[in-house]
Amino acid sequence: MAIEISATKRQVQGTGASRRLRKANRVPGVVYGSGDAVMIDLDHNTVYFALKDEAFHASVLSLDLDGKKESVLLRDFQMHPFRQQVQHIDFQRVDAKKKVHMKVPLHFVNDEIAPGVKLGGGKITHVLNELDVVCLAKDLPTSIEIDLGSLELGHSIHISDVKLPKGVEVATHHHAGDAVATVAVPRGAVEAAAAAAEGEAAAEEKK
């Protein structure tokens, strides 16, 4: 079920009008794409808490604009430099027949049972936390799962290893050999091992 958010058309534009909207606990915004851009405003608290939901950033949303619903994607938003206040928000209309380009969050699972961690004492590093994908709106996943259960010490999972949902492709600026996650011995452990080895060598020399 699509996440739904309500908005109203904004008749008055300009910096002063936007400032008055914010004082009234409203967020100015815009809907664009596949037609004329429409200036809108939304309830601030609804938007603020929606932005805390990961799925809100990577899902096709149902925007109820003065009673008329349309499918949109969140494209941008601006926060106040130091207040917990959303300053502006942008949505793009979705064309069901055209592919969209979106950043989708990666969810890592089974890291605690990876051989490189459980047996090798390694530490997993997430090189990427999201992946740029291209697909039709109906195929857009809210997240992509990365299974780390078989990751060995000193090895990596690459983009070519990621299992993508049907109809989803990786954006062309990614490369198949790019690492998504790696497991390596923590730096402190390497340094400790090196120090121990030096100590052993020094002890041998004294004999």
Protein backbone atom coordinates (compact mmCIF):
# COMPACT_ATOMS: atom_id res chain seq x y z
CA MET A 1 0.00 0.00 0.00
CA ALA A 2 1.40 3.38 -1.05
CA ILE A 3 2.36 5.93 1.57
CA GLU A 4 -0.15 8.79 1.32
CA ILE A 5 0.45 12.44 2.09
CA SER A 6 -1.95 15.37 1.71
CA ALA A 7 -1.25 18.83 0.29
CA THR A 8 -3.08 21.93 -0.88
CA LYS A 9 -2.35 24.22 -3.82
CA ARG A 10 -0.40 27.32 -2.88
CA GLN A 11 -1.83 30.46 -4.47
CA VAL A 12 0.65 33.02 -3.15
CA GLN A 13 4.36 32.69 -3.93
CA GLY A 14 7.51 34.46 -2.88
CA THR A 15 9.84 34.60 0.11
CA GLY A 16 7.38 36.48 2.32
CA ALA A 17 4.56 34.05 1.57
CA SER A 18 6.80 31.06 2.30
CA ARG A 19 7.88 32.62 5.59
CA ARG A 20 4.25 33.09 6.62
CA LEU A 21 3.48 29.48 5.73
CA ARG A 22 6.32 28.24 7.92
CA LYS A 23 5.10 30.35 10.82
CA ALA A 24 1.69 28.69 10.35
CA ASN A 25 3.36 25.26 10.64
CA ARG A 26 3.09 24.59 6.91
CA VAL A 27 5.84 23.51 4.47
CA PRO A 28 6.01 25.11 1.01
CA GLY A 29 6.74 22.73 -1.82
CA VAL A 30 6.39 21.97 -5.50
CA VAL A 31 5.17 19.10 -7.70
CA TYR A 32 6.71 18.94 -11.18
CA GLY A 33 7.12 16.60 -14.16
CA SER A 34 4.62 15.38 -16.78
CA GLY A 35 2.83 18.72 -16.92
CA ASP A 36 2.92 22.11 -15.28
CA ALA A 37 4.68 22.59 -11.97
CA VAL A 38 2.25 23.18 -9.09
CA MET A 39 3.14 25.08 -5.93
CA ILE A 40 1.85 23.32 -2.83
CA ASP A 41 1.99 23.44 0.95
CA LEU A 42 1.76 20.62 3.49
CA ASP A 43 1.39 20.16 7.24
CA HIS A 44 4.85 20.50 8.79
CA ASN A 45 4.59 17.79 11.44
CA THR A 46 3.28 15.26 8.94
CA VAL A 47 6.19 15.96 6.59
CA TYR A 48 8.78 16.08 9.38
CA PHE A 49 7.88 12.64 10.74
CA ALA A 50 7.38 11.16 7.26
CA LEU A 51 10.97 12.12 6.40
CA LYS A 52 12.17 9.96 9.31
CA ASP A 53 10.70 6.91 7.57
CA GLU A 54 13.25 5.33 5.24
CA ALA A 55 10.50 4.07 2.93
CA PHE A 56 9.28 7.64 2.35
CA HIS A 57 12.54 8.39 0.53
CA ALA A 58 12.47 5.36 -1.77
CA SER A 59 8.81 4.66 -2.52
CA VAL A 60 6.16 5.76 -4.95
CA LEU A 61 3.98 8.05 -2.81
CA SER A 62 0.31 8.87 -3.19
CA LEU A 63 -0.07 12.65 -3.03
CA ASP A 64 -3.60 13.82 -2.25
CA LEU A 65 -3.66 17.32 -3.73
CA ASP A 66 -6.94 19.02 -2.89
CA GLY A 67 -8.75 15.69 -3.15
CA LYS A 68 -7.07 14.53 -6.36
CA LYS A 69 -4.52 11.75 -5.96
CA GLU A 70 -1.40 11.34 -8.07
CA SER A 71 1.71 9.17 -7.80
CA VAL A 72 4.90 11.04 -6.96
CA LEU A 73 8.47 10.52 -5.79
CA LEU A 74 10.27 12.57 -3.17
CA ARG A 75 13.05 14.37 -5.02
CA ASP A 76 14.47 16.92 -2.59
CA PHE A 77 13.90 18.69 0.71
CA GLN A 78 15.68 21.39 2.69
CA MET A 79 16.02 21.59 6.46
CA HIS A 80 16.64 24.69 8.57
CA PRO A 81 20.38 24.99 9.43
CA PHE A 82 19.81 24.46 13.17
CA ARG A 83 16.08 24.13 13.87
CA GLN A 84 14.11 20.93 13.47
CA GLN A 85 12.15 22.51 10.66
CA VAL A 86 11.54 21.41 7.07
CA GLN A 87 11.99 24.48 4.87
CA HIS A 88 10.89 23.17 1.47
CA ILE A 89 10.04 19.90 -0.27
CA ASP A 90 9.97 18.79 -3.93
CA PHE A 91 8.00 15.95 -5.50
CA GLN A 92 8.14 14.57 -9.06
CA ARG A 93 5.11 13.03 -10.77
CA VAL A 94 5.50 9.42 -11.82
CA ASP A 95 4.84 8.23 -15.35
CA ALA A 96 3.95 4.55 -15.10
CA LYS A 97 5.46 3.91 -18.55
CA LYS A 98 8.82 5.58 -17.91
CA LYS A 99 11.70 4.28 -15.83
CA VAL A 100 12.70 6.24 -12.75
CA HIS A 101 16.16 6.75 -11.27
CA MET A 102 16.22 6.41 -7.47
CA LYS A 103 18.59 5.81 -4.57
CA VAL A 104 17.48 2.70 -2.65
CA PRO A 105 18.79 1.91 0.85
CA LEU A 106 20.74 -1.29 1.43
CA HIS A 107 19.80 -3.54 4.36
CA PHE A 108 22.66 -5.76 5.55
CA VAL A 109 21.78 -9.08 7.21
CA ASN A 110 23.69 -12.00 8.78
CA ASP A 111 26.80 -9.93 9.46
CA GLU A 112 27.21 -11.53 12.90
CA ILE A 113 27.48 -15.04 11.42
CA ALA A 114 29.85 -14.17 8.57
CA PRO A 115 32.94 -16.47 8.80
CA GLY A 116 35.22 -13.46 8.54
CA VAL A 117 33.62 -12.04 11.68
CA LYS A 118 32.71 -15.12 13.70
CA LEU A 119 35.87 -17.14 12.98
CA GLY A 120 38.35 -14.57 11.72
CA GLY A 121 37.68 -11.76 14.20
CA GLY A 122 37.21 -9.31 11.36
CA LYS A 123 35.08 -6.19 11.19
CA ILE A 124 32.59 -5.48 8.42
CA THR A 125 32.69 -2.13 6.65
CA HIS A 126 29.70 -0.95 4.63
CA VAL A 127 31.26 0.75 1.61
CA LEU A 128 27.82 1.66 0.22
CA ASN A 129 24.64 2.27 2.20
CA GLU A 130 22.43 2.88 -0.83
CA LEU A 131 22.39 1.94 -4.48
CA ASP A 132 21.26 3.97 -7.49
CA VAL A 133 18.78 1.92 -9.49
CA VAL A 134 16.68 2.34 -12.62
CA CYS A 135 13.26 0.72 -13.02
CA LEU A 136 9.59 1.30 -13.66
CA ALA A 137 7.76 2.83 -10.71
CA LYS A 138 5.79 -0.38 -10.10
CA ASP A 139 9.06 -2.33 -9.63
CA LEU A 140 10.75 0.16 -7.28
CA PRO A 141 11.89 -1.62 -4.09
CA THR A 142 11.87 0.24 -0.77
CA SER A 143 15.18 -1.46 0.09
CA ILE A 144 17.61 -4.09 -1.18
CA GLU A 145 18.85 -6.86 1.12
CA ILE A 146 22.55 -7.74 1.20
CA ASP A 147 23.32 -11.14 2.79
CA LEU A 148 26.74 -11.13 4.46
CA GLY A 149 26.41 -14.66 5.87
CA SER A 150 29.15 -16.18 3.68
CA LEU A 151 31.65 -13.30 3.71
CA GLU A 152 35.20 -14.49 4.49
CA LEU A 153 37.99 -12.47 6.10
CA GLY A 154 39.67 -10.20 3.55
CA HIS A 155 36.85 -10.63 1.04
CA SER A 156 34.21 -8.24 -0.28
CA ILE A 157 30.72 -8.32 -1.72
CA HIS A 158 30.58 -6.44 -5.01
CA ILE A 159 27.76 -4.87 -6.95
CA SER A 160 27.85 -7.81 -9.32
CA ASP A 161 26.97 -10.06 -6.34
CA VAL A 162 23.85 -8.10 -5.36
CA LYS A 163 20.57 -9.87 -6.06
CA LEU A 164 18.25 -7.28 -7.56
CA PRO A 165 14.44 -7.60 -7.67
CA LYS A 166 12.86 -8.36 -11.03
CA GLY A 167 12.80 -5.37 -13.35
CA VAL A 168 15.44 -3.44 -11.39
CA GLU A 169 18.81 -2.46 -12.88
CA VAL A 170 21.84 -0.79 -11.33
CA ALA A 171 22.47 2.74 -12.62
CA THR A 172 25.28 2.93 -15.17
CA HIS A 173 27.66 5.02 -13.04
CA HIS A 174 28.10 2.02 -10.73
CA HIS A 175 30.60 -0.65 -11.80
CA ALA A 176 30.20 -4.40 -11.33
CA GLY A 177 33.49 -4.59 -9.44
CA ASP A 178 32.64 -1.83 -6.94
CA ALA A 179 32.65 -3.11 -3.34
CA VAL A 180 29.44 -2.92 -1.34
CA ALA A 181 30.80 -4.37 1.92
CA THR A 182 34.14 -5.78 3.07
CA VAL A 183 35.41 -7.69 6.10
CA ALA A 184 38.94 -7.10 7.37
CA VAL A 185 40.95 -7.45 10.56
CA PRO A 186 40.49 -4.26 12.64
CA ARG A 187 43.47 -1.91 12.44
CA GLY A 188 44.09 -2.14 16.17
CA ALA A 189 44.33 -5.91 15.98
CA VAL A 190 46.83 -5.68 13.11
CA GLU A 191 48.97 -3.23 15.06
CA ALA A 192 48.78 -5.40 18.18
CA ALA A 193 49.84 -8.46 16.20
CA ALA A 194 52.74 -6.53 14.67
CA ALA A 195 53.85 -5.31 18.11
CA ALA A 196 53.64 -8.84 19.48
CA ALA A 197 55.73 -10.14 16.60
CA GLU A 198 58.36 -7.45 17.20
CA GLY A 199 58.41 -8.35 20.88
CA GLU A 200 58.94 -12.02 20.07
CA ALA A 201 61.74 -11.14 17.64
CA ALA A 202 63.47 -8.96 20.23
CA ALA A 203 63.19 -11.72 22.83
CA GLU A 204 64.75 -14.21 20.42
CA GLU A 205 67.69 -11.84 19.77
CA LYS A 206 68.40 -11.60 23.50
CA LYS A 207 68.69 -15.36 23.87
